[in-house]
């Protein structure tokens, strides 16, 4: 289950990132969550995830050397924090995978895919 989600997520990231430099879309909402997550762009813990998921917002496009994408302006993306859906099923696997939230092997993956379930939304208090 989680391996299917991981594989599908990585496949989508590879396709989107190689074709154009755009922020990924949350399949649950149909919009990017990147503008709401901009504060994580230079956070060492989330740097790689944000580079993969939000290259445009974080100013990490190959031709983008002007850093004007880090302005923090709202681009119309939602500010709600939601778990991403498994692209193979269209449904989130997060509730059934919640036991992996604090597993060091899956920590980054679960943070990016299941922020709501793992209580990692901006401003969220840890349980």
N, C-alpha and C. Protein backbone atom coordinates (compact mmCIF):
# COMPACT_ATOMS: atom_id res chain seq x y z
N UNK A 1 0.83 -1.18 0.00
CA UNK A 1 0.00 0.00 0.00
C UNK A 1 0.88 1.25 0.00
N UNK A 2 1.74 1.42 1.01
CA UNK A 2 2.56 2.62 1.07
C UNK A 2 3.59 2.61 -0.06
N UNK A 3 4.05 1.41 -0.45
CA UNK A 3 5.00 1.35 -1.55
C UNK A 3 4.34 1.76 -2.86
N UNK A 4 3.06 1.41 -3.06
CA UNK A 4 2.34 1.85 -4.25
C UNK A 4 2.21 3.37 -4.26
N UNK A 5 1.89 3.93 -3.09
CA UNK A 5 1.75 5.38 -2.97
C UNK A 5 3.09 6.05 -3.24
N UNK A 6 4.16 5.49 -2.68
CA UNK A 6 5.49 6.05 -2.89
C UNK A 6 5.87 5.98 -4.36
N UNK A 7 5.67 4.84 -4.99
CA UNK A 7 6.01 4.68 -6.40
C UNK A 7 5.22 5.64 -7.27
N UNK A 8 3.92 5.72 -7.04
CA UNK A 8 3.07 6.61 -7.84
C UNK A 8 3.47 8.06 -7.62
N UNK A 9 3.77 8.41 -6.38
CA UNK A 9 4.17 9.78 -6.07
C UNK A 9 5.47 10.13 -6.77
N UNK A 10 6.44 9.24 -6.71
CA UNK A 10 7.72 9.50 -7.35
C UNK A 10 7.58 9.56 -8.86
N UNK A 11 6.73 8.72 -9.41
CA UNK A 11 6.51 8.74 -10.86
C UNK A 11 5.91 10.07 -11.30
N UNK A 12 4.94 10.54 -10.57
CA UNK A 12 4.29 11.81 -10.91
C UNK A 12 5.28 12.96 -10.75
N UNK A 13 6.05 12.95 -9.68
CA UNK A 13 7.04 14.00 -9.45
C UNK A 13 8.02 14.04 -10.62
N UNK A 14 8.51 12.90 -11.04
CA UNK A 14 9.46 12.84 -12.14
C UNK A 14 8.88 13.39 -13.42
N UNK A 15 7.67 13.06 -13.71
CA UNK A 15 7.04 13.52 -14.94
C UNK A 15 6.82 15.03 -14.90
N UNK A 16 6.26 15.53 -13.81
CA UNK A 16 5.96 16.95 -13.71
C UNK A 16 7.24 17.78 -13.67
N UNK A 17 8.21 17.36 -12.88
CA UNK A 17 9.41 18.16 -12.70
C UNK A 17 10.26 18.22 -13.96
N UNK A 18 10.34 17.13 -14.71
CA UNK A 18 11.15 17.12 -15.92
C UNK A 18 10.51 17.91 -17.04
N UNK A 19 9.20 17.89 -17.15
CA UNK A 19 8.54 18.55 -18.26
C UNK A 19 8.54 20.07 -18.10
N UNK A 20 8.17 20.55 -16.95
CA UNK A 20 8.12 21.98 -16.70
C UNK A 20 8.49 22.24 -15.26
N UNK A 21 8.80 23.46 -14.99
CA UNK A 21 9.09 23.82 -13.61
C UNK A 21 7.83 24.45 -13.03
N UNK A 22 7.00 23.61 -12.47
CA UNK A 22 5.77 24.07 -11.84
C UNK A 22 5.62 23.38 -10.50
N UNK A 23 4.87 23.99 -9.65
CA UNK A 23 4.55 23.38 -8.37
C UNK A 23 3.56 22.25 -8.59
N UNK A 24 3.70 21.19 -7.81
CA UNK A 24 2.79 20.06 -7.94
C UNK A 24 1.42 20.42 -7.39
N UNK A 25 0.43 19.74 -7.88
CA UNK A 25 -0.97 19.97 -7.50
C UNK A 25 -1.39 18.93 -6.48
N UNK A 26 -2.12 19.35 -5.47
CA UNK A 26 -2.72 18.43 -4.52
C UNK A 26 -3.92 17.81 -5.21
N UNK A 27 -3.90 16.49 -5.42
CA UNK A 27 -4.97 15.86 -6.18
C UNK A 27 -6.31 15.91 -5.45
N UNK A 28 -6.31 16.12 -4.16
CA UNK A 28 -7.56 16.21 -3.41
C UNK A 28 -8.28 17.54 -3.66
N UNK A 29 -7.50 18.61 -3.81
CA UNK A 29 -8.09 19.93 -3.94
C UNK A 29 -8.01 20.48 -5.36
N UNK A 30 -7.11 19.94 -6.16
CA UNK A 30 -6.93 20.42 -7.52
C UNK A 30 -6.09 21.68 -7.63
N UNK A 31 -5.51 22.12 -6.52
CA UNK A 31 -4.64 23.30 -6.53
C UNK A 31 -3.36 22.99 -5.76
N UNK A 32 -2.36 23.79 -5.99
CA UNK A 32 -1.09 23.63 -5.30
C UNK A 32 -1.20 24.17 -3.87
N UNK A 33 -0.55 23.51 -2.94
CA UNK A 33 -0.49 23.96 -1.55
C UNK A 33 0.80 24.74 -1.29
N UNK A 34 1.60 24.95 -2.32
CA UNK A 34 2.94 25.50 -2.14
C UNK A 34 2.98 26.90 -1.53
N UNK A 35 2.10 27.78 -1.94
CA UNK A 35 2.18 29.14 -1.39
C UNK A 35 1.91 29.14 0.11
N UNK A 36 1.11 28.19 0.57
CA UNK A 36 0.85 28.08 2.01
C UNK A 36 2.03 27.46 2.75
N UNK A 37 2.91 26.78 2.03
CA UNK A 37 4.05 26.09 2.64
C UNK A 37 5.37 26.81 2.40
N UNK A 38 5.32 28.02 1.87
CA UNK A 38 6.54 28.74 1.45
C UNK A 38 7.56 28.89 2.58
N UNK A 39 7.11 28.94 3.81
CA UNK A 39 8.04 29.09 4.93
C UNK A 39 8.97 27.89 5.08
N UNK A 40 8.62 26.77 4.46
CA UNK A 40 9.44 25.57 4.56
C UNK A 40 10.49 25.48 3.45
N UNK A 41 10.49 26.40 2.50
CA UNK A 41 11.41 26.33 1.35
C UNK A 41 12.87 26.21 1.76
N UNK A 42 13.29 26.96 2.75
CA UNK A 42 14.70 26.95 3.15
C UNK A 42 14.94 26.25 4.48
N UNK A 43 13.93 25.56 4.98
CA UNK A 43 14.07 24.77 6.19
C UNK A 43 14.89 23.52 5.85
N UNK A 44 16.01 23.28 6.53
CA UNK A 44 16.86 22.13 6.19
C UNK A 44 16.12 20.79 6.21
N UNK A 45 15.15 20.64 7.07
CA UNK A 45 14.41 19.38 7.16
C UNK A 45 13.56 19.16 5.91
N UNK A 46 13.00 20.23 5.36
CA UNK A 46 12.06 20.12 4.24
C UNK A 46 12.64 20.57 2.90
N UNK A 47 13.91 20.94 2.87
CA UNK A 47 14.50 21.52 1.66
C UNK A 47 14.31 20.62 0.43
N UNK A 48 14.66 19.35 0.53
CA UNK A 48 14.54 18.44 -0.62
C UNK A 48 13.09 18.25 -1.02
N UNK A 49 12.22 18.07 -0.05
CA UNK A 49 10.79 17.89 -0.34
C UNK A 49 10.23 19.12 -1.03
N UNK A 50 10.56 20.29 -0.51
CA UNK A 50 10.04 21.52 -1.11
C UNK A 50 10.61 21.76 -2.50
N UNK A 51 11.86 21.38 -2.72
CA UNK A 51 12.46 21.51 -4.04
C UNK A 51 11.73 20.62 -5.04
N UNK A 52 11.35 19.44 -4.62
CA UNK A 52 10.63 18.51 -5.49
C UNK A 52 9.19 18.93 -5.69
N UNK A 53 8.51 19.26 -4.60
CA UNK A 53 7.08 19.54 -4.66
C UNK A 53 6.76 20.97 -5.12
N UNK A 54 7.62 21.93 -4.76
CA UNK A 54 7.31 23.35 -4.98
C UNK A 54 8.48 24.12 -5.59
N UNK A 55 9.06 23.64 -6.68
CA UNK A 55 10.24 24.32 -7.22
C UNK A 55 9.98 25.76 -7.66
N UNK A 56 8.82 26.03 -8.20
CA UNK A 56 8.52 27.39 -8.66
C UNK A 56 8.37 28.34 -7.48
N UNK A 57 7.57 27.95 -6.49
CA UNK A 57 7.36 28.78 -5.30
C UNK A 57 8.67 29.03 -4.56
N UNK A 58 9.53 28.01 -4.50
CA UNK A 58 10.79 28.13 -3.76
C UNK A 58 11.91 28.74 -4.60
N UNK A 59 11.63 29.09 -5.86
CA UNK A 59 12.64 29.71 -6.70
C UNK A 59 13.75 28.76 -7.10
N UNK A 60 13.42 27.48 -7.34
CA UNK A 60 14.44 26.49 -7.66
C UNK A 60 14.34 25.96 -9.08
N UNK A 61 13.72 26.72 -9.96
CA UNK A 61 13.67 26.33 -11.36
C UNK A 61 15.05 26.60 -11.96
N UNK A 62 15.46 25.77 -12.90
CA UNK A 62 16.80 25.88 -13.48
C UNK A 62 17.08 27.27 -14.04
N UNK A 63 16.12 27.88 -14.68
CA UNK A 63 16.32 29.20 -15.27
C UNK A 63 15.95 30.34 -14.33
N UNK A 64 15.54 30.01 -13.11
CA UNK A 64 15.06 31.03 -12.17
C UNK A 64 16.18 31.42 -11.22
N UNK A 65 16.90 32.45 -11.55
CA UNK A 65 17.98 32.93 -10.69
C UNK A 65 17.66 34.26 -10.04
N UNK A 66 16.43 34.73 -10.21
CA UNK A 66 16.10 36.06 -9.69
C UNK A 66 15.45 36.02 -8.32
N UNK A 67 15.15 34.84 -7.80
CA UNK A 67 14.59 34.66 -6.46
C UNK A 67 13.31 35.45 -6.22
N UNK A 68 12.61 35.86 -7.26
CA UNK A 68 11.39 36.62 -7.02
C UNK A 68 10.21 35.73 -6.69
N UNK A 69 10.39 34.43 -6.70
CA UNK A 69 9.30 33.54 -6.34
C UNK A 69 9.20 33.32 -4.84
N UNK A 70 10.14 33.80 -4.08
CA UNK A 70 10.11 33.63 -2.63
C UNK A 70 9.47 34.82 -1.93
N UNK A 71 8.69 35.58 -2.64
CA UNK A 71 8.12 36.80 -2.08
C UNK A 71 7.07 36.52 -1.03
N UNK A 72 6.48 35.32 -1.07
CA UNK A 72 5.45 34.99 -0.11
C UNK A 72 4.09 35.51 -0.50
N UNK A 73 3.93 36.04 -1.70
CA UNK A 73 2.63 36.53 -2.12
C UNK A 73 1.71 35.36 -2.39
N UNK A 74 0.45 35.57 -2.15
CA UNK A 74 -0.54 34.53 -2.34
C UNK A 74 -0.81 34.37 -3.82
N UNK A 75 -0.64 33.15 -4.33
CA UNK A 75 -0.88 32.89 -5.74
C UNK A 75 -2.24 32.26 -5.96
N UNK A 76 -3.08 32.30 -4.96
CA UNK A 76 -4.42 31.76 -5.11
C UNK A 76 -4.54 30.32 -4.65
N UNK A 77 -3.46 29.72 -4.18
CA UNK A 77 -3.52 28.35 -3.72
C UNK A 77 -4.22 28.31 -2.36
N UNK A 78 -4.79 27.18 -2.08
CA UNK A 78 -5.53 27.03 -0.83
C UNK A 78 -4.58 27.05 0.36
N UNK A 79 -5.07 27.50 1.49
CA UNK A 79 -4.26 27.51 2.70
C UNK A 79 -4.66 26.37 3.62
N UNK A 80 -5.56 25.51 3.18
CA UNK A 80 -5.95 24.38 4.01
C UNK A 80 -4.88 23.30 3.93
N UNK A 81 -4.76 22.56 4.99
CA UNK A 81 -3.79 21.49 5.06
C UNK A 81 -4.53 20.17 4.90
N UNK A 82 -4.23 19.46 3.85
CA UNK A 82 -4.91 18.20 3.58
C UNK A 82 -3.91 17.12 3.23
N UNK A 83 -4.31 15.89 3.45
CA UNK A 83 -3.52 14.74 3.03
C UNK A 83 -3.69 14.56 1.53
N UNK A 84 -2.63 14.14 0.87
CA UNK A 84 -2.69 13.89 -0.56
C UNK A 84 -3.35 12.54 -0.83
N UNK A 85 -3.95 12.41 -1.97
CA UNK A 85 -4.59 11.16 -2.37
C UNK A 85 -3.59 10.29 -3.11
N UNK A 86 -3.81 9.00 -3.01
CA UNK A 86 -3.04 8.04 -3.79
C UNK A 86 -3.49 8.21 -5.23
N UNK A 87 -2.60 8.56 -6.15
CA UNK A 87 -3.01 8.80 -7.53
C UNK A 87 -3.57 7.55 -8.22
N UNK A 88 -3.26 6.39 -7.70
CA UNK A 88 -3.78 5.16 -8.30
C UNK A 88 -5.24 4.90 -7.93
N UNK A 89 -5.64 5.37 -6.74
CA UNK A 89 -7.00 5.11 -6.27
C UNK A 89 -7.84 6.37 -6.15
N UNK A 90 -7.20 7.52 -6.06
CA UNK A 90 -7.92 8.77 -5.86
C UNK A 90 -8.34 9.00 -4.42
N UNK A 91 -7.90 8.13 -3.52
CA UNK A 91 -8.27 8.20 -2.11
C UNK A 91 -6.99 8.23 -1.28
N UNK A 92 -7.01 8.96 -0.20
CA UNK A 92 -5.85 9.03 0.68
C UNK A 92 -5.66 7.72 1.43
N UNK A 93 -4.41 7.29 1.55
CA UNK A 93 -4.05 6.12 2.34
C UNK A 93 -3.54 6.53 3.72
N UNK A 94 -3.62 7.79 4.03
CA UNK A 94 -2.96 8.32 5.22
C UNK A 94 -3.48 7.75 6.53
N UNK A 95 -4.78 7.64 6.69
CA UNK A 95 -5.31 7.12 7.95
C UNK A 95 -4.80 5.71 8.24
N UNK A 96 -4.78 4.87 7.21
CA UNK A 96 -4.33 3.49 7.42
C UNK A 96 -2.81 3.41 7.56
N UNK A 97 -2.11 4.46 7.18
CA UNK A 97 -0.64 4.47 7.27
C UNK A 97 -0.15 5.39 8.39
N UNK A 98 -1.04 5.87 9.22
CA UNK A 98 -0.68 6.85 10.26
C UNK A 98 0.41 6.33 11.20
N UNK A 99 0.50 5.03 11.37
CA UNK A 99 1.52 4.46 12.26
C UNK A 99 2.94 4.75 11.74
N UNK A 100 3.08 5.18 10.49
CA UNK A 100 4.38 5.49 9.91
C UNK A 100 4.79 6.95 10.10
N UNK A 101 3.91 7.77 10.65
CA UNK A 101 4.18 9.21 10.77
C UNK A 101 5.50 9.53 11.45
N UNK A 102 5.84 8.83 12.50
CA UNK A 102 7.06 9.12 13.25
C UNK A 102 8.16 8.11 13.00
N UNK A 103 7.97 7.22 12.03
CA UNK A 103 9.00 6.27 11.64
C UNK A 103 10.07 7.04 10.87
N UNK A 104 11.32 6.96 11.30
CA UNK A 104 12.39 7.74 10.68
C UNK A 104 12.56 7.45 9.19
N UNK A 105 12.30 6.23 8.78
CA UNK A 105 12.43 5.87 7.36
C UNK A 105 11.39 6.60 6.52
N UNK A 106 10.18 6.76 7.04
CA UNK A 106 9.08 7.35 6.29
C UNK A 106 8.75 8.78 6.69
N UNK A 107 9.52 9.37 7.61
CA UNK A 107 9.17 10.67 8.17
C UNK A 107 8.96 11.74 7.08
N UNK A 108 9.91 11.91 6.19
CA UNK A 108 9.79 12.94 5.15
C UNK A 108 8.64 12.64 4.21
N UNK A 109 8.54 11.39 3.81
CA UNK A 109 7.47 10.99 2.90
C UNK A 109 6.10 11.23 3.52
N UNK A 110 5.92 10.82 4.77
CA UNK A 110 4.63 11.00 5.44
C UNK A 110 4.34 12.48 5.69
N UNK A 111 5.36 13.27 5.96
CA UNK A 111 5.17 14.70 6.15
C UNK A 111 4.66 15.35 4.88
N UNK A 112 5.20 14.94 3.74
CA UNK A 112 4.78 15.54 2.48
C UNK A 112 3.44 14.99 1.99
N UNK A 113 3.18 13.71 2.21
CA UNK A 113 1.95 13.10 1.71
C UNK A 113 0.78 13.21 2.67
N UNK A 114 1.06 13.19 3.97
CA UNK A 114 0.00 13.10 4.98
C UNK A 114 0.17 14.14 6.10
N UNK A 115 0.31 15.41 5.76
CA UNK A 115 0.55 16.40 6.81
C UNK A 115 -0.59 16.52 7.82
N UNK A 116 -1.81 16.36 7.37
CA UNK A 116 -2.95 16.47 8.28
C UNK A 116 -2.98 15.29 9.24
N UNK A 117 -2.89 14.08 8.71
CA UNK A 117 -2.90 12.88 9.55
C UNK A 117 -1.74 12.87 10.53
N UNK A 118 -0.57 13.31 10.07
CA UNK A 118 0.63 13.30 10.91
C UNK A 118 0.77 14.55 11.77
N UNK A 119 -0.24 15.43 11.74
CA UNK A 119 -0.24 16.65 12.55
C UNK A 119 0.97 17.53 12.25
N UNK A 120 1.25 17.71 10.96
CA UNK A 120 2.40 18.52 10.55
C UNK A 120 1.99 19.72 9.71
N UNK A 121 0.78 20.17 9.87
CA UNK A 121 0.33 21.38 9.17
C UNK A 121 0.99 22.59 9.83
N UNK A 122 1.23 23.65 9.06
CA UNK A 122 1.82 24.85 9.66
C UNK A 122 0.98 25.32 10.85
N UNK A 123 1.64 25.55 11.95
CA UNK A 123 0.96 26.01 13.15
C UNK A 123 0.36 24.90 14.00
N UNK A 124 0.47 23.66 13.54
CA UNK A 124 -0.09 22.53 14.30
C UNK A 124 0.77 22.25 15.52
N UNK A 125 0.14 21.86 16.57
CA UNK A 125 0.85 21.46 17.78
C UNK A 125 1.02 19.96 17.78
N UNK A 126 2.21 19.51 18.11
CA UNK A 126 2.48 18.07 18.16
C UNK A 126 1.70 17.45 19.30
N UNK A 127 1.21 16.24 19.06
CA UNK A 127 0.44 15.52 20.08
C UNK A 127 1.34 14.99 21.16
